[in-house]
Amino acid sequence: MSGSTSKRYPVELRERAVRMVVELWPDYESDWAAMTQVATLLGFGTPETIRKWCRQAEIDAGRRPGVTTERSAELKRLERENAELKRANAILKSASVFFAAELDRPHHQQR
């Protein structure tokens, strides 16, 4: 799951909530009504969190277009790696400028 809710709630709770919505959905007139009931049963203040989890589950299952949880995690990992490589590159550039300046400076020979 993407967003801050993935860090606040355990994966097991998110999966359970999605399963509950799927199980309860036929008994309600809309997805939102089923999500509202699940939010109430699980003690959530708003069904919006449940809605987001259900939509992400649909994306992950290929039933809805969007970025999967796995792809989102991979993009975040690559972005962190890219930032680290940029920092390392900047350090190497600074070092090369420093050493190039050292080589250009006249050095006294000792005898």
N, C-alpha and C. Protein backbone atom coordinates (compact mmCIF):
# COMPACT_ATOMS: atom_id res chain seq x y z
N MET A 1 0.84 -1.18 0.00
CA MET A 1 0.00 0.00 0.00
C MET A 1 0.88 1.24 0.00
N SER A 2 0.44 2.22 -0.64
CA SER A 2 1.19 3.44 -0.66
C SER A 2 0.61 4.42 0.32
N GLY A 3 1.37 5.47 0.60
CA GLY A 3 0.87 6.50 1.51
C GLY A 3 1.17 6.19 2.95
N SER A 4 0.76 7.12 3.83
CA SER A 4 1.09 7.01 5.23
C SER A 4 0.31 5.90 5.94
N THR A 5 -0.83 5.48 5.43
CA THR A 5 -1.60 4.45 6.11
C THR A 5 -0.86 3.12 6.14
N SER A 6 0.04 2.89 5.18
CA SER A 6 0.75 1.63 5.14
C SER A 6 1.71 1.51 6.33
N LYS A 7 2.13 2.61 6.90
CA LYS A 7 3.05 2.57 8.02
C LYS A 7 2.31 2.55 9.36
N ARG A 8 1.09 3.05 9.36
CA ARG A 8 0.33 3.13 10.61
C ARG A 8 -0.38 1.84 10.96
N TYR A 9 -0.76 1.07 9.95
CA TYR A 9 -1.55 -0.12 10.19
C TYR A 9 -0.81 -1.35 9.67
N PRO A 10 -0.89 -2.44 10.42
CA PRO A 10 -0.22 -3.68 9.97
C PRO A 10 -0.85 -4.21 8.68
N VAL A 11 -0.05 -4.89 7.90
CA VAL A 11 -0.51 -5.48 6.64
C VAL A 11 -1.69 -6.41 6.89
N GLU A 12 -1.62 -7.18 7.97
CA GLU A 12 -2.68 -8.13 8.28
C GLU A 12 -4.03 -7.43 8.46
N LEU A 13 -4.02 -6.27 9.11
CA LEU A 13 -5.26 -5.52 9.31
C LEU A 13 -5.80 -5.01 7.98
N ARG A 14 -4.92 -4.50 7.13
CA ARG A 14 -5.36 -4.01 5.82
C ARG A 14 -5.98 -5.15 5.00
N GLU A 15 -5.30 -6.30 5.00
CA GLU A 15 -5.81 -7.45 4.24
C GLU A 15 -7.15 -7.93 4.80
N ARG A 16 -7.27 -7.95 6.12
CA ARG A 16 -8.52 -8.36 6.75
C ARG A 16 -9.66 -7.42 6.39
N ALA A 17 -9.38 -6.12 6.42
CA ALA A 17 -10.41 -5.13 6.08
C ALA A 17 -10.89 -5.31 4.64
N VAL A 18 -9.96 -5.53 3.73
CA VAL A 18 -10.33 -5.73 2.31
C VAL A 18 -11.17 -6.99 2.16
N ARG A 19 -10.76 -8.07 2.84
CA ARG A 19 -11.54 -9.31 2.78
C ARG A 19 -12.95 -9.10 3.33
N MET A 20 -13.05 -8.35 4.42
CA MET A 20 -14.36 -8.09 5.01
C MET A 20 -15.26 -7.33 4.05
N VAL A 21 -14.70 -6.35 3.36
CA VAL A 21 -15.50 -5.58 2.39
C VAL A 21 -16.00 -6.51 1.29
N VAL A 22 -15.12 -7.36 0.78
CA VAL A 22 -15.51 -8.29 -0.28
C VAL A 22 -16.63 -9.22 0.20
N GLU A 23 -16.51 -9.70 1.45
CA GLU A 23 -17.51 -10.61 1.99
C GLU A 23 -18.84 -9.91 2.26
N LEU A 24 -18.79 -8.67 2.73
CA LEU A 24 -20.01 -7.95 3.10
C LEU A 24 -20.68 -7.25 1.92
N TRP A 25 -19.92 -6.99 0.86
CA TRP A 25 -20.42 -6.20 -0.26
C TRP A 25 -21.78 -6.65 -0.79
N PRO A 26 -22.03 -7.95 -0.98
CA PRO A 26 -23.34 -8.34 -1.53
C PRO A 26 -24.52 -7.94 -0.64
N ASP A 27 -24.27 -7.73 0.64
CA ASP A 27 -25.36 -7.39 1.57
C ASP A 27 -25.67 -5.89 1.60
N TYR A 28 -24.91 -5.08 0.85
CA TYR A 28 -25.09 -3.62 0.90
C TYR A 28 -25.37 -3.07 -0.49
N GLU A 29 -25.99 -1.90 -0.53
CA GLU A 29 -26.37 -1.31 -1.81
C GLU A 29 -25.20 -0.71 -2.57
N SER A 30 -24.06 -0.50 -1.90
CA SER A 30 -22.90 0.08 -2.59
C SER A 30 -21.60 -0.35 -1.91
N ASP A 31 -20.50 -0.18 -2.65
CA ASP A 31 -19.18 -0.43 -2.07
C ASP A 31 -18.98 0.43 -0.83
N TRP A 32 -19.36 1.70 -0.96
CA TRP A 32 -19.15 2.66 0.13
C TRP A 32 -19.88 2.22 1.40
N ALA A 33 -21.09 1.71 1.25
CA ALA A 33 -21.85 1.25 2.42
C ALA A 33 -21.14 0.08 3.09
N ALA A 34 -20.62 -0.85 2.30
CA ALA A 34 -19.88 -1.99 2.87
C ALA A 34 -18.60 -1.50 3.55
N MET A 35 -17.91 -0.55 2.93
CA MET A 35 -16.68 -0.01 3.50
C MET A 35 -16.98 0.74 4.81
N THR A 36 -18.08 1.45 4.82
CA THR A 36 -18.48 2.17 6.03
C THR A 36 -18.75 1.18 7.17
N GLN A 37 -19.42 0.09 6.86
CA GLN A 37 -19.69 -0.93 7.88
C GLN A 37 -18.40 -1.55 8.39
N VAL A 38 -17.47 -1.87 7.50
CA VAL A 38 -16.19 -2.45 7.92
C VAL A 38 -15.41 -1.45 8.78
N ALA A 39 -15.41 -0.20 8.38
CA ALA A 39 -14.73 0.83 9.18
C ALA A 39 -15.32 0.89 10.58
N THR A 40 -16.64 0.81 10.68
CA THR A 40 -17.31 0.82 11.99
C THR A 40 -16.92 -0.42 12.80
N LEU A 41 -16.96 -1.57 12.17
CA LEU A 41 -16.63 -2.83 12.86
C LEU A 41 -15.19 -2.85 13.37
N LEU A 42 -14.29 -2.25 12.60
CA LEU A 42 -12.87 -2.26 12.98
C LEU A 42 -12.47 -1.03 13.81
N GLY A 43 -13.40 -0.12 14.01
CA GLY A 43 -13.12 1.04 14.86
C GLY A 43 -12.39 2.17 14.18
N PHE A 44 -12.54 2.29 12.87
CA PHE A 44 -11.94 3.40 12.13
C PHE A 44 -12.87 4.59 12.20
N GLY A 45 -12.30 5.78 12.26
CA GLY A 45 -13.12 6.98 12.29
C GLY A 45 -13.76 7.30 10.96
N THR A 46 -13.12 6.87 9.89
CA THR A 46 -13.62 7.17 8.54
C THR A 46 -13.44 5.95 7.64
N PRO A 47 -14.36 5.72 6.74
CA PRO A 47 -14.21 4.60 5.80
C PRO A 47 -13.24 4.90 4.66
N GLU A 48 -12.76 6.13 4.57
CA GLU A 48 -11.86 6.51 3.47
C GLU A 48 -10.60 5.65 3.46
N THR A 49 -10.05 5.35 4.62
CA THR A 49 -8.86 4.50 4.69
C THR A 49 -9.17 3.13 4.09
N ILE A 50 -10.30 2.57 4.46
CA ILE A 50 -10.71 1.26 3.93
C ILE A 50 -10.88 1.34 2.41
N ARG A 51 -11.47 2.44 1.93
CA ARG A 51 -11.67 2.62 0.48
C ARG A 51 -10.33 2.60 -0.25
N LYS A 52 -9.35 3.32 0.29
CA LYS A 52 -8.03 3.36 -0.34
C LYS A 52 -7.39 1.98 -0.38
N TRP A 53 -7.51 1.26 0.71
CA TRP A 53 -6.95 -0.10 0.75
C TRP A 53 -7.63 -1.00 -0.27
N CYS A 54 -8.94 -0.89 -0.40
CA CYS A 54 -9.67 -1.71 -1.37
C CYS A 54 -9.26 -1.36 -2.80
N ARG A 55 -9.13 -0.08 -3.09
CA ARG A 55 -8.72 0.34 -4.44
C ARG A 55 -7.30 -0.17 -4.74
N GLN A 56 -6.40 -0.07 -3.76
CA GLN A 56 -5.04 -0.55 -3.97
C GLN A 56 -5.02 -2.06 -4.17
N ALA A 57 -5.85 -2.77 -3.44
CA ALA A 57 -5.95 -4.23 -3.62
C ALA A 57 -6.43 -4.56 -5.03
N GLU A 58 -7.36 -3.77 -5.56
CA GLU A 58 -7.84 -3.98 -6.93
C GLU A 58 -6.73 -3.72 -7.94
N ILE A 59 -5.93 -2.70 -7.70
CA ILE A 59 -4.78 -2.39 -8.58
C ILE A 59 -3.79 -3.54 -8.53
N ASP A 60 -3.47 -3.98 -7.31
CA ASP A 60 -2.49 -5.07 -7.15
C ASP A 60 -2.96 -6.36 -7.81
N ALA A 61 -4.29 -6.57 -7.84
CA ALA A 61 -4.85 -7.78 -8.45
C ALA A 61 -5.03 -7.63 -9.97
N GLY A 62 -4.76 -6.43 -10.50
CA GLY A 62 -4.88 -6.21 -11.94
C GLY A 62 -6.29 -5.90 -12.40
N ARG A 63 -7.19 -5.64 -11.47
CA ARG A 63 -8.58 -5.34 -11.83
C ARG A 63 -8.83 -3.85 -12.02
N ARG A 64 -7.84 -3.03 -11.73
CA ARG A 64 -7.99 -1.58 -11.83
C ARG A 64 -6.62 -1.04 -12.27
N PRO A 65 -6.60 -0.05 -13.16
CA PRO A 65 -5.31 0.51 -13.58
C PRO A 65 -4.68 1.33 -12.45
N GLY A 66 -3.38 1.35 -12.44
CA GLY A 66 -2.66 2.14 -11.45
C GLY A 66 -1.32 1.50 -11.12
N VAL A 67 -0.61 2.13 -10.21
CA VAL A 67 0.71 1.65 -9.80
C VAL A 67 0.54 0.63 -8.68
N THR A 68 1.05 -0.57 -8.89
CA THR A 68 0.93 -1.62 -7.87
C THR A 68 1.79 -1.28 -6.66
N THR A 69 1.49 -1.91 -5.56
CA THR A 69 2.25 -1.73 -4.33
C THR A 69 3.70 -2.12 -4.56
N GLU A 70 3.90 -3.22 -5.26
CA GLU A 70 5.26 -3.71 -5.54
C GLU A 70 6.03 -2.70 -6.40
N ARG A 71 5.38 -2.19 -7.41
CA ARG A 71 6.03 -1.21 -8.31
C ARG A 71 6.33 0.08 -7.56
N SER A 72 5.42 0.51 -6.72
CA SER A 72 5.62 1.72 -5.93
C SER A 72 6.83 1.57 -5.00
N ALA A 73 6.94 0.41 -4.36
CA ALA A 73 8.08 0.15 -3.46
C ALA A 73 9.39 0.14 -4.26
N GLU A 74 9.36 -0.45 -5.45
CA GLU A 74 10.56 -0.50 -6.29
C GLU A 74 10.96 0.91 -6.73
N LEU A 75 9.98 1.74 -7.10
CA LEU A 75 10.28 3.12 -7.50
C LEU A 75 10.90 3.90 -6.33
N LYS A 76 10.36 3.72 -5.14
CA LYS A 76 10.91 4.41 -3.96
C LYS A 76 12.33 3.96 -3.70
N ARG A 77 12.59 2.64 -3.83
CA ARG A 77 13.94 2.12 -3.63
C ARG A 77 14.91 2.71 -4.66
N LEU A 78 14.48 2.75 -5.90
CA LEU A 78 15.33 3.30 -6.96
C LEU A 78 15.57 4.80 -6.77
N GLU A 79 14.56 5.52 -6.29
CA GLU A 79 14.73 6.95 -6.03
C GLU A 79 15.76 7.18 -4.91
N ARG A 80 15.69 6.34 -3.85
CA ARG A 80 16.69 6.46 -2.77
C ARG A 80 18.09 6.13 -3.29
N GLU A 81 18.19 5.07 -4.08
CA GLU A 81 19.48 4.67 -4.65
C GLU A 81 20.02 5.77 -5.56
N ASN A 82 19.16 6.36 -6.38
CA ASN A 82 19.57 7.43 -7.28
C ASN A 82 20.08 8.64 -6.49
N ALA A 83 19.39 8.99 -5.41
CA ALA A 83 19.82 10.12 -4.57
C ALA A 83 21.20 9.83 -3.96
N GLU A 84 21.40 8.61 -3.50
CA GLU A 84 22.69 8.24 -2.91
C GLU A 84 23.79 8.29 -3.96
N LEU A 85 23.51 7.83 -5.17
CA LEU A 85 24.50 7.88 -6.24
C LEU A 85 24.84 9.32 -6.63
N LYS A 86 23.83 10.19 -6.62
CA LYS A 86 24.08 11.61 -6.91
C LYS A 86 24.97 12.23 -5.84
N ARG A 87 24.72 11.87 -4.55
CA ARG A 87 25.58 12.39 -3.47
C ARG A 87 27.01 11.89 -3.64
N ALA A 88 27.16 10.61 -3.94
CA ALA A 88 28.50 10.04 -4.13
C ALA A 88 29.19 10.70 -5.32
N ASN A 89 28.46 10.95 -6.40
CA ASN A 89 29.01 11.59 -7.58
C ASN A 89 29.49 13.01 -7.26
N ALA A 90 28.70 13.74 -6.46
CA ALA A 90 29.08 15.11 -6.08
C ALA A 90 30.36 15.09 -5.25
N ILE A 91 30.48 14.11 -4.35
CA ILE A 91 31.70 13.98 -3.53
C ILE A 91 32.90 13.69 -4.43
N LEU A 92 32.73 12.77 -5.38
CA LEU A 92 33.82 12.42 -6.28
C LEU A 92 34.23 13.61 -7.16
N LYS A 93 33.26 14.40 -7.61
CA LYS A 93 33.58 15.58 -8.41
C LYS A 93 34.38 16.58 -7.58
N SER A 94 33.95 16.80 -6.34
CA SER A 94 34.67 17.72 -5.46
C SER A 94 36.09 17.25 -5.22
N ALA A 95 36.24 15.96 -5.01
CA ALA A 95 37.58 15.40 -4.78
C ALA A 95 38.45 15.54 -6.02
N SER A 96 37.88 15.33 -7.19
CA SER A 96 38.69 15.44 -8.40
C SER A 96 39.13 16.88 -8.64
N VAL A 97 38.26 17.84 -8.33
CA VAL A 97 38.64 19.26 -8.45
C VAL A 97 39.77 19.57 -7.48
N PHE A 98 39.65 19.08 -6.25
CA PHE A 98 40.68 19.32 -5.24
C PHE A 98 42.01 18.74 -5.68
N PHE A 99 42.02 17.48 -6.11
CA PHE A 99 43.27 16.83 -6.50
C PHE A 99 43.85 17.42 -7.78
N ALA A 100 43.00 17.86 -8.70
CA ALA A 100 43.50 18.51 -9.92
C ALA A 100 44.19 19.80 -9.55
N ALA A 101 43.64 20.55 -8.60
CA ALA A 101 44.27 21.79 -8.15
C ALA A 101 45.60 21.48 -7.48
N GLU A 102 45.67 20.42 -6.73
CA GLU A 102 46.93 20.02 -6.07
C GLU A 102 48.00 19.68 -7.10
N LEU A 103 47.61 19.04 -8.18
CA LEU A 103 48.58 18.66 -9.21
C LEU A 103 49.08 19.88 -9.97
N ASP A 104 48.24 20.90 -10.11
CA ASP A 104 48.63 22.11 -10.83
C ASP A 104 49.52 23.02 -10.01
N ARG A 105 49.52 22.87 -8.70
CA ARG A 105 50.35 23.73 -7.86
C ARG A 105 51.81 23.34 -7.98
N PRO A 106 52.68 24.36 -8.02
CA PRO A 106 54.10 24.01 -8.07
C PRO A 106 54.54 23.39 -6.73
N HIS A 107 55.31 22.37 -6.85
CA HIS A 107 55.81 21.67 -5.65
C HIS A 107 57.32 21.87 -5.59
N HIS A 108 57.82 22.08 -4.40
CA HIS A 108 59.28 22.22 -4.21
C HIS A 108 59.88 20.84 -4.11
N GLN A 109 60.99 20.69 -4.80
CA GLN A 109 61.66 19.40 -4.71
C GLN A 109 62.61 19.45 -3.54
N GLN A 110 62.63 18.39 -2.79
CA GLN A 110 63.57 18.31 -1.68
C GLN A 110 64.78 17.53 -2.11
N ARG A 111 65.93 17.97 -1.63
CA ARG A 111 67.17 17.25 -1.98
C ARG A 111 67.81 16.68 -0.79
